[in-house]
Structures are given as structure tokens and as C-alpha cells.
Amino acid sequence: MSTTDSGATHPWPHPSDDAAAVSQLEKGLPTLLSVIAGMVDLTGFLTLGNIFTAHITGNLVLVAALVVRGGRMNPAQVLAIPVFIIGVAAMWLIARASGRRGPGLARLLLLVQFLLLVSVLIFSGITKPSANPHGLMAGITAMIAVSAMACQFALLRLALPVAPSTAVMTGNLTNVVLSLLDRQSRSQPLVAGDAERLTGSLHLLIGFFGGCVVAAAAVTYLGDWATGHFPWCWPPWRSRCGKEEFQS
């Protein structure tokens, strides 16, 4: 089947081609996104008032501790939770309105995330948010970054549901430990597919940690520009997977 637009013929993607594109994305994209998540999370923590922009669990813990024990609260730590919820809901609306699935949807949401991260870069370069980590400019910067990470989380669930988490490393570390134990054991493995699980989880852990190291170095040497340096690490929509869907 095909459709004609202005004399050009655009074939519908074959199901097997779509499945192959999804498989290709699931192999390489999570590791790259883990690097981005590590960079975003550590940069926000160091320069934006100890807020976790990619690890909402951390903000929940900090808010709960402050509620019980008191102390100075960064408003951004509280706002990060509803902003993340709104961000995920917005990505769902975009996905529903676009009508895309699989690689086409992944490319669209990656573009949205990229634009949000570019916004962080521009806003940080202009306002210098680290000068007042608990101030308004830092809070706005953090919320844009949180929105970008909400887009990343939603992307994986909506377009690549089989892909593992790229920001919460607890599960990936658990997979690594269990897979290593199964490989050393002479008895029947307790975890199915331990070799693939070990490789994938190790890549994610290394990627996330590497992103954190890069972010720490960037904060040290670039200052406020480090808050938005991560967009230039990746042009994800230029990959081969789903290129036709994005162009159409």
C-alpha cells in the first residue's frame, strides 16, 4: 500500500521493517540516554540547589525528610514532582495527537527532549542560575530539565516498552549482581537470559556513571554553561531508525 502526495509516493512501513527498527533502537539508544541522564542529574544537583532532575525518587526522599525534620527547603525540589507528572502527561498527549508508534514516535519525542535541553542551555547561559541555586532562575532551569527527563521516561514506555530504565540505576545494578552470580553458579540459573541482561545493564551503569563524571568535569571548568552542555552530545533523530517517519 502507498499514499501519493504532490506526485511523490511514500510506502507504508512494512511491519517487519518497523520491528527491526525498534530492535535497533532498543540496542543502542538506552545506553546513550543513560549518559544523558547522568549528565543532567549530576549537573542539576551541583548547580541548581541539590535537585535531582532525572531521579524523582531522590526529590521525594528529600521532601519527606524536610517535612519531618525541618530545614531549608528548595522549592524546586517540591515542584519537580508535579512538573514531572505534567511532563509525562504532555508526552502522552503528543503521542496520542501524532498518531505515531515505535521508531516514528521515538524520533518525535527525542526531538522534543532535545529542544528542551537546548532551552536549558540558552536559559542557563543568560541567567547564570548557579549564582542563586534556590532562586527563581535556578528553579525555572531545573523545571525545564525535569520536563526533558519526563520526556525521556515517557519515550521509553510509549515507544520502546521493552527497554530498561535509563535513569534509575538500582534495578540495573540488581540485574548485574544477579547475572554475575548466576554465571558463577554451577546450578540452573535463577534469572533467564542472564548474559544479555548482564551486558545491557552493564552498558547502562557505565553510561550513567560516565555521564556523571563528564558533568562533574563540566561544572568544574564551564560553570553555568555546564547546566546546558548536554544537548550537544547527541542528535538522536539523525539515526537510521525511523528516518522515513520523521521526514514524512
C-alpha atoms as a PDB file:
ATOM      1  CA  MET A   1       0.000   0.000   0.000  1.00  0.00           C
ATOM      2  CA  SER A   2       1.159   3.542  -0.646  1.00  0.00           C
ATOM      3  CA  THR A   3      -0.066   7.099  -0.497  1.00  0.00           C
ATOM      4  CA  THR A   4       0.537   9.852  -3.036  1.00  0.00           C
ATOM      5  CA  ASP A   5       1.308  13.435  -2.003  1.00  0.00           C
ATOM      6  CA  SER A   6       2.262  16.042  -4.655  1.00  0.00           C
ATOM      7  CA  GLY A   7       3.249  13.299  -7.049  1.00  0.00           C
ATOM      8  CA  ALA A   8       5.583  11.568  -4.594  1.00  0.00           C
ATOM      9  CA  THR A   9       4.975   8.034  -3.455  1.00  0.00           C
ATOM     10  CA  HIS A  10       5.561   7.187   0.232  1.00  0.00           C
ATOM     11  CA  PRO A  11       5.249   3.468   1.005  1.00  0.00           C
ATOM     12  CA  TRP A  12       3.772   2.469   4.322  1.00  0.00           C
ATOM     13  CA  PRO A  13       6.455   0.930   6.594  1.00  0.00           C
ATOM     14  CA  HIS A  14       6.396  -2.846   6.495  1.00  0.00           C
ATOM     15  CA  PRO A  15       5.722  -4.458   9.906  1.00  0.00           C
ATOM     16  CA  SER A  16       8.991  -6.395   9.737  1.00  0.00           C
ATOM     17  CA  ASP A  17      10.933  -3.206   8.970  1.00  0.00           C
ATOM     18  CA  ASP A  18       9.260  -1.454  11.887  1.00  0.00           C
ATOM     19  CA  ALA A  19      10.135  -4.326  14.232  1.00  0.00           C
ATOM     20  CA  ALA A  20      13.742  -4.256  13.044  1.00  0.00           C
ATOM     21  CA  ALA A  21      13.938  -0.503  13.640  1.00  0.00           C
ATOM     22  CA  VAL A  22      12.535  -0.902  17.165  1.00  0.00           C
ATOM     23  CA  SER A  23      15.059  -3.653  17.888  1.00  0.00           C
ATOM     24  CA  GLN A  24      17.900  -1.449  16.652  1.00  0.00           C
ATOM     25  CA  LEU A  25      16.762   1.431  18.850  1.00  0.00           C
ATOM     26  CA  GLU A  26      16.467  -0.822  21.887  1.00  0.00           C
ATOM     27  CA  LYS A  27      20.081  -1.917  21.454  1.00  0.00           C
ATOM     28  CA  GLY A  28      21.828   1.433  21.253  1.00  0.00           C
ATOM     29  CA  LEU A  29      19.506   4.174  22.446  1.00  0.00           C
ATOM     30  CA  PRO A  30      19.150   3.221  26.174  1.00  0.00           C
ATOM     31  CA  THR A  31      22.909   3.436  26.751  1.00  0.00           C
ATOM     32  CA  LEU A  32      23.069   6.863  25.120  1.00  0.00           C
ATOM     33  CA  LEU A  33      20.093   8.052  27.162  1.00  0.00           C
ATOM     34  CA  SER A  34      21.770   6.765  30.336  1.00  0.00           C
ATOM     35  CA  VAL A  35      24.749   9.002  29.617  1.00  0.00           C
ATOM     36  CA  ILE A  36      22.409  11.955  29.145  1.00  0.00           C
ATOM     37  CA  ALA A  37      20.504  11.136  32.350  1.00  0.00           C
ATOM     38  CA  GLY A  38      23.730  11.015  34.356  1.00  0.00           C
ATOM     39  CA  MET A  39      24.869  14.358  32.975  1.00  0.00           C
ATOM     40  CA  VAL A  40      21.509  16.033  33.582  1.00  0.00           C
ATOM     41  CA  ASP A  41      21.088  14.633  37.085  1.00  0.00           C
ATOM     42  CA  LEU A  42      24.535  15.465  38.431  1.00  0.00           C
ATOM     43  CA  THR A  43      24.660  18.914  36.833  1.00  0.00           C
ATOM     44  CA  GLY A  44      21.316  19.817  38.372  1.00  0.00           C
ATOM     45  CA  PHE A  45      22.387  18.511  41.768  1.00  0.00           C
ATOM     46  CA  LEU A  46      25.614  20.525  41.797  1.00  0.00           C
ATOM     47  CA  THR A  47      24.351  23.801  40.339  1.00  0.00           C
ATOM     48  CA  LEU A  48      20.594  24.024  40.949  1.00  0.00           C
ATOM     49  CA  GLY A  49      20.197  23.599  44.679  1.00  0.00           C
ATOM     50  CA  ASN A  50      20.649  19.839  45.156  1.00  0.00           C
ATOM     51  CA  ILE A  51      17.694  18.941  42.963  1.00  0.00           C
ATOM     52  CA  PHE A  52      17.561  15.612  41.151  1.00  0.00           C
ATOM     53  CA  THR A  53      16.312  16.416  37.669  1.00  0.00           C
ATOM     54  CA  ALA A  54      16.393  12.803  36.438  1.00  0.00           C
ATOM     55  CA  HIS A  55      15.831  10.904  39.680  1.00  0.00           C
ATOM     56  CA  ILE A  56      12.456  11.946  41.064  1.00  0.00           C
ATOM     57  CA  THR A  57      12.768   9.365  43.849  1.00  0.00           C
ATOM     58  CA  GLY A  58      15.599  11.442  45.297  1.00  0.00           C
ATOM     59  CA  ASN A  59      13.382  14.519  45.438  1.00  0.00           C
ATOM     60  CA  LEU A  60      10.642  12.536  47.182  1.00  0.00           C
ATOM     61  CA  VAL A  61      13.166  11.431  49.801  1.00  0.00           C
ATOM     62  CA  LEU A  62      14.480  14.965  50.331  1.00  0.00           C
ATOM     63  CA  VAL A  63      10.986  16.444  50.619  1.00  0.00           C
ATOM     64  CA  ALA A  64       9.895  13.761  53.101  1.00  0.00           C
ATOM     65  CA  ALA A  65      12.986  14.358  55.232  1.00  0.00           C
ATOM     66  CA  LEU A  66      12.412  18.109  55.256  1.00  0.00           C
ATOM     67  CA  VAL A  67       8.748  17.684  56.189  1.00  0.00           C
ATOM     68  CA  VAL A  68       9.662  15.602  59.225  1.00  0.00           C
ATOM     69  CA  ARG A  69      12.944  17.168  60.340  1.00  0.00           C
ATOM     70  CA  GLY A  70      12.603  20.688  59.016  1.00  0.00           C
ATOM     71  CA  GLY A  71      15.323  22.783  57.481  1.00  0.00           C
ATOM     72  CA  ARG A  72      15.696  24.964  54.416  1.00  0.00           C
ATOM     73  CA  MET A  73      13.684  23.606  51.508  1.00  0.00           C
ATOM     74  CA  ASN A  74      14.428  24.307  47.885  1.00  0.00           C
ATOM     75  CA  PRO A  75      11.021  24.990  46.281  1.00  0.00           C
ATOM     76  CA  ALA A  76      12.262  23.358  43.085  1.00  0.00           C
ATOM     77  CA  GLN A  77      12.599  20.035  44.916  1.00  0.00           C
ATOM     78  CA  VAL A  78       8.879  20.121  45.650  1.00  0.00           C
ATOM     79  CA  LEU A  79       7.830  21.445  42.249  1.00  0.00           C
ATOM     80  CA  ALA A  80       9.884  18.806  40.447  1.00  0.00           C
ATOM     81  CA  ILE A  81       7.336  16.134  41.369  1.00  0.00           C
ATOM     82  CA  PRO A  82       4.182  17.728  39.857  1.00  0.00           C
ATOM     83  CA  VAL A  83       6.198  19.119  36.926  1.00  0.00           C
ATOM     84  CA  PHE A  84       7.443  15.612  36.147  1.00  0.00           C
ATOM     85  CA  ILE A  85       3.856  14.315  36.229  1.00  0.00           C
ATOM     86  CA  ILE A  86       2.694  17.103  33.925  1.00  0.00           C
ATOM     87  CA  GLY A  87       5.642  16.442  31.604  1.00  0.00           C
ATOM     88  CA  VAL A  88       4.807  12.755  31.267  1.00  0.00           C
ATOM     89  CA  ALA A  89       1.150  13.619  30.639  1.00  0.00           C
ATOM     90  CA  ALA A  90       2.194  16.130  27.969  1.00  0.00           C
ATOM     91  CA  MET A  91       4.268  13.474  26.191  1.00  0.00           C
ATOM     92  CA  TRP A  92       1.260  11.142  26.243  1.00  0.00           C
ATOM     93  CA  LEU A  93      -0.847  13.866  24.641  1.00  0.00           C
ATOM     94  CA  ILE A  94       1.802  14.483  21.978  1.00  0.00           C
ATOM     95  CA  ALA A  95       1.998  10.770  21.247  1.00  0.00           C
ATOM     96  CA  ARG A  96      -1.777  10.470  21.011  1.00  0.00           C
ATOM     97  CA  ALA A  97      -2.109  13.543  18.790  1.00  0.00           C
ATOM     98  CA  SER A  98       0.723  12.487  16.461  1.00  0.00           C
ATOM     99  CA  GLY A  99      -0.696   9.015  15.877  1.00  0.00           C
ATOM    100  CA  ARG A 100       2.859   7.653  15.683  1.00  0.00           C
ATOM    101  CA  ARG A 101       4.151   4.417  17.125  1.00  0.00           C
ATOM    102  CA  GLY A 102       7.519   2.735  17.529  1.00  0.00           C
ATOM    103  CA  PRO A 103      10.505   4.423  15.826  1.00  0.00           C
ATOM    104  CA  GLY A 104       8.425   7.310  14.471  1.00  0.00           C
ATOM    105  CA  LEU A 105       7.187   8.204  17.947  1.00  0.00           C
ATOM    106  CA  ALA A 106      10.659   7.715  19.431  1.00  0.00           C
ATOM    107  CA  ARG A 107      12.142  10.186  16.981  1.00  0.00           C
ATOM    108  CA  LEU A 108       9.432  12.753  17.674  1.00  0.00           C
ATOM    109  CA  LEU A 109       9.866  12.577  21.454  1.00  0.00           C
ATOM    110  CA  LEU A 110      13.651  12.640  21.132  1.00  0.00           C
ATOM    111  CA  LEU A 111      13.310  15.865  19.183  1.00  0.00           C
ATOM    112  CA  VAL A 112      11.088  17.314  21.924  1.00  0.00           C
ATOM    113  CA  GLN A 113      13.648  16.322  24.560  1.00  0.00           C
ATOM    114  CA  PHE A 114      16.472  17.832  22.548  1.00  0.00           C
ATOM    115  CA  LEU A 115      14.629  21.143  22.239  1.00  0.00           C
ATOM    116  CA  LEU A 116      14.003  21.193  25.989  1.00  0.00           C
ATOM    117  CA  LEU A 117      17.688  20.587  26.713  1.00  0.00           C
ATOM    118  CA  VAL A 118      18.685  23.317  24.269  1.00  0.00           C
ATOM    119  CA  SER A 119      16.312  25.605  26.178  1.00  0.00           C
ATOM    120  CA  VAL A 120      18.173  24.734  29.380  1.00  0.00           C
ATOM    121  CA  LEU A 121      21.461  25.637  27.703  1.00  0.00           C
ATOM    122  CA  ILE A 122      20.234  29.004  26.452  1.00  0.00           C
ATOM    123  CA  PHE A 123      18.423  29.927  29.662  1.00  0.00           C
ATOM    124  CA  SER A 124      21.420  28.936  31.819  1.00  0.00           C
ATOM    125  CA  GLY A 125      23.854  30.920  29.705  1.00  0.00           C
ATOM    126  CA  ILE A 126      21.680  34.032  30.001  1.00  0.00           C
ATOM    127  CA  THR A 127      20.539  33.890  33.641  1.00  0.00           C
ATOM    128  CA  LYS A 128      23.515  32.225  35.448  1.00  0.00           C
ATOM    129  CA  PRO A 129      21.272  30.158  37.780  1.00  0.00           C
ATOM    130  CA  SER A 130      24.086  28.768  39.938  1.00  0.00           C
ATOM    131  CA  ALA A 131      24.644  32.232  41.408  1.00  0.00           C
ATOM    132  CA  ASN A 132      21.478  31.655  43.450  1.00  0.00           C
ATOM    133  CA  PRO A 133      20.704  27.900  43.486  1.00  0.00           C
ATOM    134  CA  HIS A 134      17.485  28.425  45.451  1.00  0.00           C
ATOM    135  CA  GLY A 135      16.330  31.385  43.377  1.00  0.00           C
ATOM    136  CA  LEU A 136      13.733  31.796  40.680  1.00  0.00           C
ATOM    137  CA  MET A 137      16.087  31.421  37.698  1.00  0.00           C
ATOM    138  CA  ALA A 138      17.562  28.207  39.076  1.00  0.00           C
ATOM    139  CA  GLY A 139      14.066  26.891  39.711  1.00  0.00           C
ATOM    140  CA  ILE A 140      12.944  27.595  36.148  1.00  0.00           C
ATOM    141  CA  THR A 141      16.086  25.976  34.769  1.00  0.00           C
ATOM    142  CA  ALA A 142      15.524  22.904  36.899  1.00  0.00           C
ATOM    143  CA  MET A 143      11.893  22.584  35.816  1.00  0.00           C
ATOM    144  CA  ILE A 144      12.854  22.670  32.144  1.00  0.00           C
ATOM    145  CA  ALA A 145      15.429  19.948  32.800  1.00  0.00           C
ATOM    146  CA  VAL A 146      12.868  17.897  34.741  1.00  0.00           C
ATOM    147  CA  SER A 147      10.482  18.222  31.793  1.00  0.00           C
ATOM    148  CA  ALA A 148      13.195  16.940  29.464  1.00  0.00           C
ATOM    149  CA  MET A 149      13.733  13.899  31.673  1.00  0.00           C
ATOM    150  CA  ALA A 150       9.985  13.311  31.890  1.00  0.00           C
ATOM    151  CA  CYS A 151      10.058  13.191  28.099  1.00  0.00           C
ATOM    152  CA  GLN A 152      12.846  10.595  28.238  1.00  0.00           C
ATOM    153  CA  PHE A 153      10.971   8.375  30.685  1.00  0.00           C
ATOM    154  CA  ALA A 154       7.760   8.642  28.667  1.00  0.00           C
ATOM    155  CA  LEU A 155       9.628   7.929  25.436  1.00  0.00           C
ATOM    156  CA  LEU A 156      10.871   4.592  26.716  1.00  0.00           C
ATOM    157  CA  ARG A 157       7.471   3.487  27.985  1.00  0.00           C
ATOM    158  CA  LEU A 158       5.489   4.668  24.961  1.00  0.00           C
ATOM    159  CA  ALA A 159       7.827   3.887  22.061  1.00  0.00           C
ATOM    160  CA  LEU A 160      10.252   1.262  23.427  1.00  0.00           C
ATOM    161  CA  PRO A 161       8.390  -0.517  26.246  1.00  0.00           C
ATOM    162  CA  VAL A 162      10.908  -3.373  26.424  1.00  0.00           C
ATOM    163  CA  ALA A 163      13.855  -1.038  27.032  1.00  0.00           C
ATOM    164  CA  PRO A 164      15.192  -0.846  30.621  1.00  0.00           C
ATOM    165  CA  SER A 165      15.309   2.284  32.754  1.00  0.00           C
ATOM    166  CA  THR A 166      17.990   4.754  31.736  1.00  0.00           C
ATOM    167  CA  ALA A 167      17.962   6.920  34.872  1.00  0.00           C
ATOM    168  CA  VAL A 168      17.120   4.687  37.855  1.00  0.00           C
ATOM    169  CA  MET A 169      20.195   2.512  38.269  1.00  0.00           C
ATOM    170  CA  THR A 170      19.013   0.431  41.252  1.00  0.00           C
ATOM    171  CA  GLY A 171      17.300  -2.120  39.036  1.00  0.00           C
ATOM    172  CA  ASN A 172      20.211  -2.245  36.605  1.00  0.00           C
ATOM    173  CA  LEU A 173      22.698  -2.822  39.429  1.00  0.00           C
ATOM    174  CA  THR A 174      20.453  -5.595  40.764  1.00  0.00           C
ATOM    175  CA  ASN A 175      20.440  -7.225  37.323  1.00  0.00           C
ATOM    176  CA  VAL A 176      24.242  -7.071  37.134  1.00  0.00           C
ATOM    177  CA  VAL A 177      24.722  -8.684  40.552  1.00  0.00           C
ATOM    178  CA  LEU A 178      22.174 -11.449  39.943  1.00  0.00           C
ATOM    179  CA  SER A 179      23.508 -12.171  36.465  1.00  0.00           C
ATOM    180  CA  LEU A 180      27.093 -12.399  37.728  1.00  0.00           C
ATOM    181  CA  LEU A 181      26.059 -14.787  40.496  1.00  0.00           C
ATOM    182  CA  ASP A 182      24.146 -16.963  38.032  1.00  0.00           C
ATOM    183  CA  ARG A 183      27.130 -17.101  35.703  1.00  0.00           C
ATOM    184  CA  GLN A 184      29.430 -18.206  38.532  1.00  0.00           C
ATOM    185  CA  SER A 185      26.989 -20.805  39.818  1.00  0.00           C
ATOM    186  CA  ARG A 186      27.122 -24.381  38.532  1.00  0.00           C
ATOM    187  CA  SER A 187      23.431 -24.946  39.149  1.00  0.00           C
ATOM    188  CA  GLN A 188      20.489 -23.910  36.992  1.00  0.00           C
ATOM    189  CA  PRO A 189      20.422 -20.092  36.539  1.00  0.00           C
ATOM    190  CA  LEU A 190      17.716 -18.361  38.530  1.00  0.00           C
ATOM    191  CA  VAL A 191      17.462 -15.453  36.077  1.00  0.00           C
ATOM    192  CA  ALA A 192      16.514 -16.105  32.469  1.00  0.00           C
ATOM    193  CA  GLY A 193      18.712 -14.564  29.781  1.00  0.00           C
ATOM    194  CA  ASP A 194      21.425 -13.609  32.236  1.00  0.00           C
ATOM    195  CA  ALA A 195      24.087 -12.990  29.568  1.00  0.00           C
ATOM    196  CA  GLU A 196      22.012 -10.411  27.687  1.00  0.00           C
ATOM    197  CA  ARG A 197      20.770  -8.893  30.930  1.00  0.00           C
ATOM    198  CA  LEU A 198      24.331  -8.570  32.249  1.00  0.00           C
ATOM    199  CA  THR A 199      25.609  -6.903  29.080  1.00  0.00           C
ATOM    200  CA  GLY A 200      22.713  -4.485  28.786  1.00  0.00           C
ATOM    201  CA  SER A 201      22.708  -3.490  32.452  1.00  0.00           C
ATOM    202  CA  LEU A 202      26.481  -3.003  32.495  1.00  0.00           C
ATOM    203  CA  HIS A 203      26.263  -0.686  29.499  1.00  0.00           C
ATOM    204  CA  LEU A 204      23.598   1.379  31.254  1.00  0.00           C
ATOM    205  CA  LEU A 205      25.553   1.583  34.512  1.00  0.00           C
ATOM    206  CA  ILE A 206      28.766   2.561  32.771  1.00  0.00           C
ATOM    207  CA  GLY A 207      26.923   5.078  30.623  1.00  0.00           C
ATOM    208  CA  PHE A 208      25.184   6.719  33.579  1.00  0.00           C
ATOM    209  CA  PHE A 209      28.377   6.862  35.640  1.00  0.00           C
ATOM    210  CA  GLY A 210      30.322   8.198  32.667  1.00  0.00           C
ATOM    211  CA  GLY A 211      27.721  10.907  32.191  1.00  0.00           C
ATOM    212  CA  CYS A 212      28.070  11.892  35.847  1.00  0.00           C
ATOM    213  CA  VAL A 213      31.853  12.126  35.523  1.00  0.00           C
ATOM    214  CA  VAL A 214      31.598  14.258  32.393  1.00  0.00           C
ATOM    215  CA  ALA A 215      29.036  16.517  34.082  1.00  0.00           C
ATOM    216  CA  ALA A 216      31.222  16.961  37.174  1.00  0.00           C
ATOM    217  CA  ALA A 217      34.159  17.970  34.997  1.00  0.00           C
ATOM    218  CA  ALA A 218      31.956  20.329  33.007  1.00  0.00           C
ATOM    219  CA  VAL A 219      30.635  22.031  36.147  1.00  0.00           C
ATOM    220  CA  THR A 220      34.200  22.463  37.362  1.00  0.00           C
ATOM    221  CA  TYR A 221      35.513  24.037  34.172  1.00  0.00           C
ATOM    222  CA  LEU A 222      32.455  25.554  32.458  1.00  0.00           C
ATOM    223  CA  GLY A 223      30.363  26.853  35.347  1.00  0.00           C
ATOM    224  CA  ASP A 224      26.821  27.839  34.361  1.00  0.00           C
ATOM    225  CA  TRP A 225      27.314  26.776  30.773  1.00  0.00           C
ATOM    226  CA  ALA A 226      27.634  23.215  32.052  1.00  0.00           C
ATOM    227  CA  THR A 227      23.976  23.279  33.089  1.00  0.00           C
ATOM    228  CA  GLY A 228      23.030  23.076  29.446  1.00  0.00           C
ATOM    229  CA  HIS A 229      26.038  21.424  27.820  1.00  0.00           C
ATOM    230  CA  PHE A 230      24.408  18.031  27.370  1.00  0.00           C
ATOM    231  CA  PRO A 231      22.225  18.753  24.287  1.00  0.00           C
ATOM    232  CA  TRP A 232      25.223  18.863  22.012  1.00  0.00           C
ATOM    233  CA  CYS A 233      26.248  15.302  22.864  1.00  0.00           C
ATOM    234  CA  TRP A 234      23.632  13.727  20.632  1.00  0.00           C
ATOM    235  CA  PRO A 235      21.492  14.372  17.554  1.00  0.00           C
ATOM    236  CA  PRO A 236      19.333  11.263  18.097  1.00  0.00           C
ATOM    237  CA  TRP A 237      16.794  11.805  15.357  1.00  0.00           C
ATOM    238  CA  ARG A 238      19.522  11.512  12.715  1.00  0.00           C
ATOM    239  CA  SER A 239      19.932   7.789  13.345  1.00  0.00           C
ATOM    240  CA  ARG A 240      18.819   5.392  10.644  1.00  0.00           C
ATOM    241  CA  CYS A 241      15.883   4.040  12.615  1.00  0.00           C
ATOM    242  CA  GLY A 242      12.590   5.605  11.677  1.00  0.00           C
ATOM    243  CA  LYS A 243      14.094   8.305   9.467  1.00  0.00           C
ATOM    244  CA  GLU A 244      11.275   7.976   6.962  1.00  0.00           C
ATOM    245  CA  GLU A 245       8.611   8.560   9.604  1.00  0.00           C
ATOM    246  CA  PHE A 246      10.269  11.741  10.833  1.00  0.00           C
ATOM    247  CA  GLN A 247      10.684  13.181   7.361  1.00  0.00           C
ATOM    248  CA  SER A 248       7.114  12.433   6.362  1.00  0.00           C
END
